[in-house]
């Protein structure tokens, strides 16, 4: 399971700052399995695959843009002005 987090949180002064992720993985078993993949070097493998595959880079760019739109869509109007 994952939580959808509000894109901004207050800093120590109460000013809004970006929360680092929109989706927060909260299933303990899934977190363990993801950690194993990260430890085994899969992040680097994905980066290397992106470097060598133009179609995959384009799909990743599109996914990144969709993620940015989702974050923006969750912001309240007053937070969008920040």
N, C-alpha and C. Protein backbone atom coordinates (compact mmCIF):
# COMPACT_ATOMS: atom_id res chain seq x y z
N UNK A 1 0.84 -1.19 0.00
CA UNK A 1 0.00 0.00 0.00
C UNK A 1 0.88 1.24 0.00
N UNK A 2 0.34 2.30 -0.54
CA UNK A 2 1.07 3.56 -0.60
C UNK A 2 0.12 4.70 -0.24
N UNK A 3 0.67 5.71 0.36
CA UNK A 3 -0.08 6.93 0.66
C UNK A 3 0.25 7.97 -0.39
N UNK A 4 -0.72 8.80 -0.71
CA UNK A 4 -0.48 9.96 -1.57
C UNK A 4 -0.27 11.13 -0.62
N UNK A 5 0.90 11.76 -0.71
CA UNK A 5 1.27 12.84 0.20
C UNK A 5 1.07 14.20 -0.46
N UNK A 6 0.72 15.18 0.36
CA UNK A 6 0.60 16.54 -0.15
C UNK A 6 1.99 17.00 -0.57
N UNK A 7 2.12 17.68 -1.71
CA UNK A 7 3.44 18.02 -2.25
C UNK A 7 4.27 19.02 -1.44
N UNK A 8 3.66 19.71 -0.48
CA UNK A 8 4.41 20.68 0.31
C UNK A 8 4.26 20.37 1.80
N UNK A 9 5.31 20.65 2.55
CA UNK A 9 5.28 20.55 4.00
C UNK A 9 5.93 21.81 4.56
N UNK A 10 5.61 22.16 5.80
CA UNK A 10 6.25 23.35 6.38
C UNK A 10 7.69 23.06 6.78
N UNK A 11 8.57 24.03 6.54
CA UNK A 11 9.95 23.90 7.03
C UNK A 11 9.98 24.34 8.49
N UNK A 12 11.17 24.45 9.06
CA UNK A 12 11.28 24.79 10.48
C UNK A 12 10.75 26.18 10.82
N UNK A 13 10.64 27.04 9.79
CA UNK A 13 10.09 28.38 9.99
C UNK A 13 8.61 28.46 9.65
N UNK A 14 8.04 27.34 9.22
CA UNK A 14 6.64 27.32 8.83
C UNK A 14 6.39 27.66 7.38
N UNK A 15 7.45 27.90 6.63
CA UNK A 15 7.31 28.20 5.20
C UNK A 15 7.18 26.90 4.41
N UNK A 16 6.40 26.91 3.33
CA UNK A 16 6.24 25.68 2.55
C UNK A 16 7.51 25.29 1.81
N UNK A 17 7.78 24.01 1.82
CA UNK A 17 8.90 23.46 1.04
C UNK A 17 8.42 22.16 0.42
N UNK A 18 8.99 21.76 -0.70
CA UNK A 18 8.53 20.53 -1.36
C UNK A 18 8.77 19.29 -0.50
N UNK A 19 7.77 18.43 -0.46
CA UNK A 19 7.93 17.11 0.14
C UNK A 19 8.61 16.26 -0.93
N UNK A 20 9.58 15.45 -0.57
CA UNK A 20 10.40 14.78 -1.60
C UNK A 20 9.69 13.76 -2.48
N UNK A 21 8.54 13.27 -2.06
CA UNK A 21 7.87 12.27 -2.88
C UNK A 21 6.36 12.45 -2.79
N UNK A 22 5.68 12.07 -3.84
CA UNK A 22 4.22 12.14 -3.84
C UNK A 22 3.63 10.86 -3.26
N UNK A 23 4.27 9.74 -3.56
CA UNK A 23 3.77 8.44 -3.10
C UNK A 23 4.70 7.90 -2.02
N UNK A 24 4.14 7.57 -0.89
CA UNK A 24 4.92 7.07 0.25
C UNK A 24 4.57 5.61 0.46
N UNK A 25 5.52 4.73 0.19
CA UNK A 25 5.31 3.30 0.35
C UNK A 25 5.20 2.97 1.83
N UNK A 26 4.10 2.35 2.24
CA UNK A 26 3.91 2.09 3.67
C UNK A 26 3.72 0.61 3.98
N UNK A 27 3.76 -0.25 3.00
CA UNK A 27 3.67 -1.68 3.25
C UNK A 27 5.05 -2.19 3.66
N UNK A 28 5.19 -2.71 4.87
CA UNK A 28 6.53 -3.11 5.35
C UNK A 28 7.19 -4.18 4.49
N UNK A 29 6.43 -5.13 3.99
CA UNK A 29 7.02 -6.18 3.15
C UNK A 29 7.50 -5.61 1.82
N UNK A 30 6.71 -4.72 1.24
CA UNK A 30 7.11 -4.09 -0.02
C UNK A 30 8.36 -3.24 0.19
N UNK A 31 8.44 -2.53 1.31
CA UNK A 31 9.62 -1.71 1.59
C UNK A 31 10.88 -2.58 1.67
N UNK A 32 10.77 -3.73 2.29
CA UNK A 32 11.92 -4.65 2.39
C UNK A 32 12.36 -5.11 1.00
N UNK A 33 11.39 -5.48 0.17
CA UNK A 33 11.72 -5.98 -1.17
C UNK A 33 12.31 -4.87 -2.05
N UNK A 34 11.78 -3.67 -1.97
CA UNK A 34 12.33 -2.54 -2.73
C UNK A 34 13.75 -2.24 -2.26
N UNK A 35 13.96 -2.29 -0.96
CA UNK A 35 15.30 -2.05 -0.41
C UNK A 35 16.30 -3.07 -0.93
N UNK A 36 15.88 -4.30 -1.05
CA UNK A 36 16.76 -5.35 -1.59
C UNK A 36 17.15 -5.02 -3.03
N UNK A 37 16.19 -4.58 -3.83
CA UNK A 37 16.47 -4.23 -5.22
C UNK A 37 17.45 -3.06 -5.30
N UNK A 38 17.21 -2.05 -4.47
CA UNK A 38 18.11 -0.89 -4.45
C UNK A 38 19.52 -1.30 -4.04
N UNK A 39 19.62 -2.13 -3.00
CA UNK A 39 20.92 -2.58 -2.51
C UNK A 39 21.66 -3.41 -3.57
N UNK A 40 20.89 -4.14 -4.37
CA UNK A 40 21.48 -5.00 -5.40
C UNK A 40 21.91 -4.22 -6.64
N UNK A 41 21.70 -2.89 -6.62
CA UNK A 41 22.19 -2.08 -7.73
C UNK A 41 21.20 -1.83 -8.85
N UNK A 42 19.94 -2.08 -8.64
CA UNK A 42 18.97 -1.93 -9.72
C UNK A 42 18.76 -0.49 -10.15
N UNK A 43 18.95 0.47 -9.27
CA UNK A 43 18.81 1.88 -9.67
C UNK A 43 19.85 2.20 -10.75
N UNK A 44 21.09 1.79 -10.52
CA UNK A 44 22.14 2.02 -11.50
C UNK A 44 21.85 1.28 -12.80
N UNK A 45 21.34 0.07 -12.70
CA UNK A 45 21.00 -0.69 -13.91
C UNK A 45 19.94 0.03 -14.72
N UNK A 46 18.93 0.57 -14.04
CA UNK A 46 17.90 1.33 -14.75
C UNK A 46 18.48 2.58 -15.41
N UNK A 47 19.37 3.25 -14.71
CA UNK A 47 20.01 4.45 -15.29
C UNK A 47 20.78 4.07 -16.55
N UNK A 48 21.52 2.99 -16.48
CA UNK A 48 22.30 2.54 -17.64
C UNK A 48 21.38 2.15 -18.80
N UNK A 49 20.28 1.51 -18.49
CA UNK A 49 19.34 1.12 -19.54
C UNK A 49 18.73 2.37 -20.19
N UNK A 50 18.42 3.37 -19.38
CA UNK A 50 17.89 4.63 -19.93
C UNK A 50 18.88 5.28 -20.89
N UNK A 51 20.16 5.25 -20.50
CA UNK A 51 21.19 5.87 -21.35
C UNK A 51 21.26 5.23 -22.72
N UNK A 52 20.98 3.94 -22.79
CA UNK A 52 21.14 3.23 -24.05
C UNK A 52 19.86 3.01 -24.84
N UNK A 53 18.74 3.56 -24.38
CA UNK A 53 17.46 3.26 -25.02
C UNK A 53 16.65 4.54 -25.16
N UNK A 54 16.64 5.10 -26.37
CA UNK A 54 15.96 6.37 -26.62
C UNK A 54 14.46 6.27 -26.37
N UNK A 55 13.85 5.16 -26.76
CA UNK A 55 12.41 4.99 -26.54
C UNK A 55 12.09 4.95 -25.05
N UNK A 56 12.90 4.26 -24.30
CA UNK A 56 12.69 4.18 -22.86
C UNK A 56 12.89 5.55 -22.21
N UNK A 57 13.88 6.31 -22.69
CA UNK A 57 14.09 7.68 -22.17
C UNK A 57 12.85 8.53 -22.42
N UNK A 58 12.27 8.40 -23.59
CA UNK A 58 11.07 9.18 -23.92
C UNK A 58 9.91 8.77 -23.01
N UNK A 59 9.73 7.50 -22.79
CA UNK A 59 8.67 7.03 -21.89
C UNK A 59 8.93 7.52 -20.47
N UNK A 60 10.17 7.54 -20.05
CA UNK A 60 10.51 8.02 -18.73
C UNK A 60 10.24 9.53 -18.62
N UNK A 61 10.56 10.27 -19.67
CA UNK A 61 10.28 11.71 -19.69
C UNK A 61 8.78 11.96 -19.57
N UNK A 62 7.99 11.19 -20.32
CA UNK A 62 6.53 11.33 -20.25
C UNK A 62 6.01 10.99 -18.86
N UNK A 63 6.55 9.95 -18.25
CA UNK A 63 6.14 9.59 -16.89
C UNK A 63 6.51 10.67 -15.89
N UNK A 64 7.67 11.28 -16.08
CA UNK A 64 8.10 12.36 -15.19
C UNK A 64 7.19 13.57 -15.32
N UNK A 65 6.79 13.89 -16.54
CA UNK A 65 5.87 14.99 -16.75
C UNK A 65 4.50 14.70 -16.13
N UNK A 66 4.03 13.47 -16.25
CA UNK A 66 2.75 13.08 -15.63
C UNK A 66 2.84 13.18 -14.11
N UNK A 67 3.97 12.80 -13.56
CA UNK A 67 4.19 12.90 -12.11
C UNK A 67 4.15 14.36 -11.68
N UNK A 68 4.80 15.24 -12.43
CA UNK A 68 4.80 16.67 -12.11
C UNK A 68 3.38 17.24 -12.18
N UNK A 69 2.61 16.82 -13.19
CA UNK A 69 1.23 17.29 -13.31
C UNK A 69 0.39 16.79 -12.12
N UNK A 70 0.63 15.56 -11.69
CA UNK A 70 -0.11 15.03 -10.54
C UNK A 70 0.21 15.83 -9.28
N UNK A 71 1.48 16.14 -9.06
CA UNK A 71 1.87 16.96 -7.90
C UNK A 71 1.21 18.33 -7.96
N UNK A 72 1.28 18.96 -9.14
CA UNK A 72 0.70 20.29 -9.32
C UNK A 72 -0.81 20.23 -9.07
N UNK A 73 -1.45 19.18 -9.55
CA UNK A 73 -2.89 19.04 -9.40
C UNK A 73 -3.36 18.90 -7.96
N UNK A 74 -2.49 18.46 -7.09
CA UNK A 74 -2.85 18.31 -5.68
C UNK A 74 -2.70 19.61 -4.89
N UNK A 75 -1.96 20.56 -5.43
CA UNK A 75 -1.72 21.81 -4.70
C UNK A 75 -2.99 22.66 -4.60
N UNK A 76 -3.17 23.28 -3.44
CA UNK A 76 -4.23 24.26 -3.28
C UNK A 76 -3.82 25.52 -4.06
N UNK A 77 -4.79 26.33 -4.42
CA UNK A 77 -4.51 27.54 -5.20
C UNK A 77 -3.48 28.43 -4.51
N UNK A 78 -3.62 28.63 -3.20
CA UNK A 78 -2.69 29.52 -2.50
C UNK A 78 -1.28 28.95 -2.49
N UNK A 79 -1.14 27.62 -2.48
CA UNK A 79 0.19 27.01 -2.52
C UNK A 79 0.81 27.10 -3.92
N UNK A 80 -0.01 27.17 -4.94
CA UNK A 80 0.52 27.28 -6.30
C UNK A 80 1.22 28.61 -6.52
N UNK A 81 0.86 29.61 -5.73
CA UNK A 81 1.47 30.94 -5.84
C UNK A 81 2.86 30.98 -5.23
N UNK A 82 3.20 29.98 -4.44
CA UNK A 82 4.51 29.95 -3.77
C UNK A 82 5.51 29.63 -4.78
